[in-house]
Amino acid sequence: MSFKINWDALGITASLACAIHCAVLPLVLSSLPVFGINIIDNLAFEYMMIVLAFAVGSHSLYHGYKKHHHRLAPSILFALGILLLLAKQTWHELQLWFLVPAVILIVYAHYRNFRLCRIANHCHEGDCNH
């Protein structure tokens, strides 16, 4: 019995967790500085979430590309989303303007990858390894 991970579902979950973190955490935890705790604008945590989303997403999209559909569109959408997340970290005053399209692009990239994998019917190209 083998255990398989649905990498697209994991990528969508990580992207949504990042979006929830970015949107809800400042609202819920805004009182923590009163107690001397500052995690709202913790750069290490923010970059860790971006790296996590990038690692999971890259693996998921590579798997779909290599074994199923051989299309670059999901990877391009994903890369644009990650670049917008990095831009959000650079230009803090515009972070909501970068966050919304970043999350939409990343989630849509995983959705497109998922749909392309389902309709690919296991197309066997020269570089397929299955």
C-alpha atoms as a PDB file:
ATOM      1  CA  MET A   1       0.000   0.000   0.000  1.00  0.00           C
ATOM      2  CA  SER A   2       1.605   3.245  -1.092  1.00  0.00           C
ATOM      3  CA  PHE A   3       0.837   6.682   0.278  1.00  0.00           C
ATOM      4  CA  LYS A   4       0.614   9.518  -2.253  1.00  0.00           C
ATOM      5  CA  ILE A   5       0.588  13.197  -1.469  1.00  0.00           C
ATOM      6  CA  ASN A   6      -1.589  15.459  -3.583  1.00  0.00           C
ATOM      7  CA  TRP A   7       0.977  18.229  -4.066  1.00  0.00           C
ATOM      8  CA  ASP A   8      -1.510  20.598  -5.683  1.00  0.00           C
ATOM      9  CA  ALA A   9      -3.831  20.340  -2.683  1.00  0.00           C
ATOM     10  CA  LEU A  10      -0.858  20.888  -0.377  1.00  0.00           C
ATOM     11  CA  GLY A  11       0.259  23.886  -2.456  1.00  0.00           C
ATOM     12  CA  ILE A  12      -3.203  25.429  -2.391  1.00  0.00           C
ATOM     13  CA  THR A  13      -3.385  24.846   1.362  1.00  0.00           C
ATOM     14  CA  ALA A  14       0.014  26.474   1.932  1.00  0.00           C
ATOM     15  CA  SER A  15      -0.986  29.450  -0.246  1.00  0.00           C
ATOM     16  CA  LEU A  16      -4.268  29.892   1.590  1.00  0.00           C
ATOM     17  CA  ALA A  17      -2.508  29.559   4.956  1.00  0.00           C
ATOM     18  CA  CYS A  18      -0.159  32.331   3.862  1.00  0.00           C
ATOM     19  CA  ALA A  19      -3.101  34.510   2.801  1.00  0.00           C
ATOM     20  CA  ILE A  20      -4.914  33.907   6.081  1.00  0.00           C
ATOM     21  CA  HIS A  21      -1.734  34.668   7.999  1.00  0.00           C
ATOM     22  CA  CYS A  22      -1.235  37.926   6.123  1.00  0.00           C
ATOM     23  CA  ALA A  23      -4.860  39.056   6.428  1.00  0.00           C
ATOM     24  CA  VAL A  24      -6.020  37.814   9.840  1.00  0.00           C
ATOM     25  CA  LEU A  25      -2.909  37.700  12.000  1.00  0.00           C
ATOM     26  CA  PRO A  26      -2.516  41.485  12.269  1.00  0.00           C
ATOM     27  CA  LEU A  27      -6.169  41.811  13.294  1.00  0.00           C
ATOM     28  CA  VAL A  28      -6.178  39.026  15.865  1.00  0.00           C
ATOM     29  CA  LEU A  29      -2.752  39.612  17.369  1.00  0.00           C
ATOM     30  CA  SER A  30      -2.582  43.404  17.339  1.00  0.00           C
ATOM     31  CA  SER A  31      -2.537  43.497  21.139  1.00  0.00           C
ATOM     32  CA  LEU A  32       0.649  41.444  21.516  1.00  0.00           C
ATOM     33  CA  PRO A  33       3.031  44.465  21.515  1.00  0.00           C
ATOM     34  CA  VAL A  34       1.380  45.509  24.781  1.00  0.00           C
ATOM     35  CA  PHE A  35       2.925  42.349  26.242  1.00  0.00           C
ATOM     36  CA  GLY A  36       6.302  42.927  24.582  1.00  0.00           C
ATOM     37  CA  ILE A  37       5.745  40.347  21.827  1.00  0.00           C
ATOM     38  CA  ASN A  38       6.117  41.467  18.229  1.00  0.00           C
ATOM     39  CA  ILE A  39       5.336  38.804  15.636  1.00  0.00           C
ATOM     40  CA  ILE A  40       3.097  40.844  13.352  1.00  0.00           C
ATOM     41  CA  ASP A  41       5.892  42.205  11.148  1.00  0.00           C
ATOM     42  CA  ASN A  42       8.419  39.462  11.796  1.00  0.00           C
ATOM     43  CA  LEU A  43      10.513  39.386   8.614  1.00  0.00           C
ATOM     44  CA  ALA A  44      11.981  35.956   9.352  1.00  0.00           C
ATOM     45  CA  PHE A  45       8.506  34.441   9.650  1.00  0.00           C
ATOM     46  CA  GLU A  46       7.292  36.230   6.502  1.00  0.00           C
ATOM     47  CA  TYR A  47      10.231  34.988   4.446  1.00  0.00           C
ATOM     48  CA  MET A  48       9.868  31.490   5.918  1.00  0.00           C
ATOM     49  CA  MET A  49       6.236  31.412   4.698  1.00  0.00           C
ATOM     50  CA  ILE A  50       7.308  32.581   1.227  1.00  0.00           C
ATOM     51  CA  VAL A  51      10.057  29.945   1.066  1.00  0.00           C
ATOM     52  CA  LEU A  52       7.608  27.259   2.219  1.00  0.00           C
ATOM     53  CA  ALA A  53       5.046  28.282  -0.420  1.00  0.00           C
ATOM     54  CA  PHE A  54       7.806  28.352  -3.057  1.00  0.00           C
ATOM     55  CA  ALA A  55       9.203  24.927  -2.115  1.00  0.00           C
ATOM     56  CA  VAL A  56       5.848  23.138  -1.998  1.00  0.00           C
ATOM     57  CA  GLY A  57       4.535  24.934  -5.074  1.00  0.00           C
ATOM     58  CA  SER A  58       7.640  24.331  -7.143  1.00  0.00           C
ATOM     59  CA  HIS A  59       7.608  20.627  -6.367  1.00  0.00           C
ATOM     60  CA  SER A  60       3.911  20.348  -7.163  1.00  0.00           C
ATOM     61  CA  LEU A  61       4.154  22.233 -10.431  1.00  0.00           C
ATOM     62  CA  TYR A  62       7.295  20.390 -11.524  1.00  0.00           C
ATOM     63  CA  HIS A  63       5.605  17.059 -10.876  1.00  0.00           C
ATOM     64  CA  GLY A  64       2.577  18.081 -12.953  1.00  0.00           C
ATOM     65  CA  TYR A  65       4.759  19.447 -15.746  1.00  0.00           C
ATOM     66  CA  LYS A  66       7.119  16.493 -15.918  1.00  0.00           C
ATOM     67  CA  LYS A  67       4.690  13.614 -15.473  1.00  0.00           C
ATOM     68  CA  HIS A  68       1.458  14.889 -16.974  1.00  0.00           C
ATOM     69  CA  HIS A  69       0.838  18.006 -19.017  1.00  0.00           C
ATOM     70  CA  HIS A  70       4.180  19.536 -20.172  1.00  0.00           C
ATOM     71  CA  ARG A  71       2.800  23.102 -20.071  1.00  0.00           C
ATOM     72  CA  LEU A  72       4.646  26.073 -18.577  1.00  0.00           C
ATOM     73  CA  ALA A  73       1.623  28.311 -17.900  1.00  0.00           C
ATOM     74  CA  PRO A  74       1.083  27.152 -14.279  1.00  0.00           C
ATOM     75  CA  SER A  75       4.771  27.658 -13.478  1.00  0.00           C
ATOM     76  CA  ILE A  76       4.773  31.145 -14.976  1.00  0.00           C
ATOM     77  CA  LEU A  77       1.662  32.143 -13.010  1.00  0.00           C
ATOM     78  CA  PHE A  78       3.216  30.712  -9.853  1.00  0.00           C
ATOM     79  CA  ALA A  79       6.500  32.563 -10.412  1.00  0.00           C
ATOM     80  CA  LEU A  80       4.632  35.846 -10.872  1.00  0.00           C
ATOM     81  CA  GLY A  81       2.759  35.216  -7.619  1.00  0.00           C
ATOM     82  CA  ILE A  82       5.976  34.528  -5.712  1.00  0.00           C
ATOM     83  CA  LEU A  83       7.558  37.680  -7.173  1.00  0.00           C
ATOM     84  CA  LEU A  84       4.565  39.691  -5.952  1.00  0.00           C
ATOM     85  CA  LEU A  85       4.982  38.177  -2.478  1.00  0.00           C
ATOM     86  CA  LEU A  86       8.612  39.278  -2.496  1.00  0.00           C
ATOM     87  CA  ALA A  87       7.545  42.732  -3.716  1.00  0.00           C
ATOM     88  CA  LYS A  88       5.110  42.854  -0.782  1.00  0.00           C
ATOM     89  CA  GLN A  89       8.054  42.418   1.551  1.00  0.00           C
ATOM     90  CA  THR A  90      10.023  45.150  -0.205  1.00  0.00           C
ATOM     91  CA  TRP A  91       7.349  47.833  -0.464  1.00  0.00           C
ATOM     92  CA  HIS A  92       5.473  47.574   2.848  1.00  0.00           C
ATOM     93  CA  GLU A  93       3.187  50.535   2.190  1.00  0.00           C
ATOM     94  CA  LEU A  94       1.744  48.696  -0.843  1.00  0.00           C
ATOM     95  CA  GLN A  95       1.611  45.226   0.657  1.00  0.00           C
ATOM     96  CA  LEU A  96      -2.151  44.703   0.266  1.00  0.00           C
ATOM     97  CA  TRP A  97      -1.920  45.730  -3.396  1.00  0.00           C
ATOM     98  CA  PHE A  98       0.695  43.022  -3.910  1.00  0.00           C
ATOM     99  CA  LEU A  99      -0.790  40.391  -1.599  1.00  0.00           C
ATOM    100  CA  VAL A 100      -4.198  39.976  -3.242  1.00  0.00           C
ATOM    101  CA  PRO A 101      -2.943  39.371  -6.804  1.00  0.00           C
ATOM    102  CA  ALA A 102      -0.073  37.215  -5.459  1.00  0.00           C
ATOM    103  CA  VAL A 103      -2.449  34.855  -3.682  1.00  0.00           C
ATOM    104  CA  ILE A 104      -4.826  34.768  -6.646  1.00  0.00           C
ATOM    105  CA  LEU A 105      -1.974  33.919  -9.037  1.00  0.00           C
ATOM    106  CA  ILE A 106      -0.509  31.221  -6.792  1.00  0.00           C
ATOM    107  CA  VAL A 107      -3.834  29.540  -6.079  1.00  0.00           C
ATOM    108  CA  TYR A 108      -4.855  29.770  -9.749  1.00  0.00           C
ATOM    109  CA  ALA A 109      -1.500  28.271 -10.828  1.00  0.00           C
ATOM    110  CA  HIS A 110      -2.138  25.259  -8.602  1.00  0.00           C
ATOM    111  CA  TYR A 111      -5.718  24.997  -9.856  1.00  0.00           C
ATOM    112  CA  ARG A 112      -4.562  25.130 -13.503  1.00  0.00           C
ATOM    113  CA  ASN A 113      -1.886  22.540 -12.779  1.00  0.00           C
ATOM    114  CA  PHE A 114      -4.477  20.293 -11.134  1.00  0.00           C
ATOM    115  CA  ARG A 115      -6.912  20.650 -14.062  1.00  0.00           C
ATOM    116  CA  LEU A 116      -4.174  20.115 -16.665  1.00  0.00           C
ATOM    117  CA  CYS A 117      -3.003  16.980 -14.856  1.00  0.00           C
ATOM    118  CA  ARG A 118      -6.560  15.627 -14.842  1.00  0.00           C
ATOM    119  CA  ILE A 119      -7.169  16.225 -18.553  1.00  0.00           C
ATOM    120  CA  ALA A 120      -3.677  15.264 -19.762  1.00  0.00           C
ATOM    121  CA  ASN A 121      -4.664  11.592 -19.968  1.00  0.00           C
ATOM    122  CA  HIS A 122      -1.035  10.824 -19.191  1.00  0.00           C
ATOM    123  CA  CYS A 123       0.309  12.178 -22.460  1.00  0.00           C
ATOM    124  CA  HIS A 124       3.574  10.399 -23.121  1.00  0.00           C
ATOM    125  CA  GLU A 125       6.167  12.721 -24.527  1.00  0.00           C
ATOM    126  CA  GLY A 126       9.837  12.002 -24.965  1.00  0.00           C
ATOM    127  CA  ASP A 127      10.750  13.311 -21.507  1.00  0.00           C
ATOM    128  CA  CYS A 128       8.008  11.446 -19.590  1.00  0.00           C
ATOM    129  CA  ASN A 129       9.355   9.128 -16.949  1.00  0.00           C
ATOM    130  CA  HIS A 130       6.242   7.067 -16.291  1.00  0.00           C
END
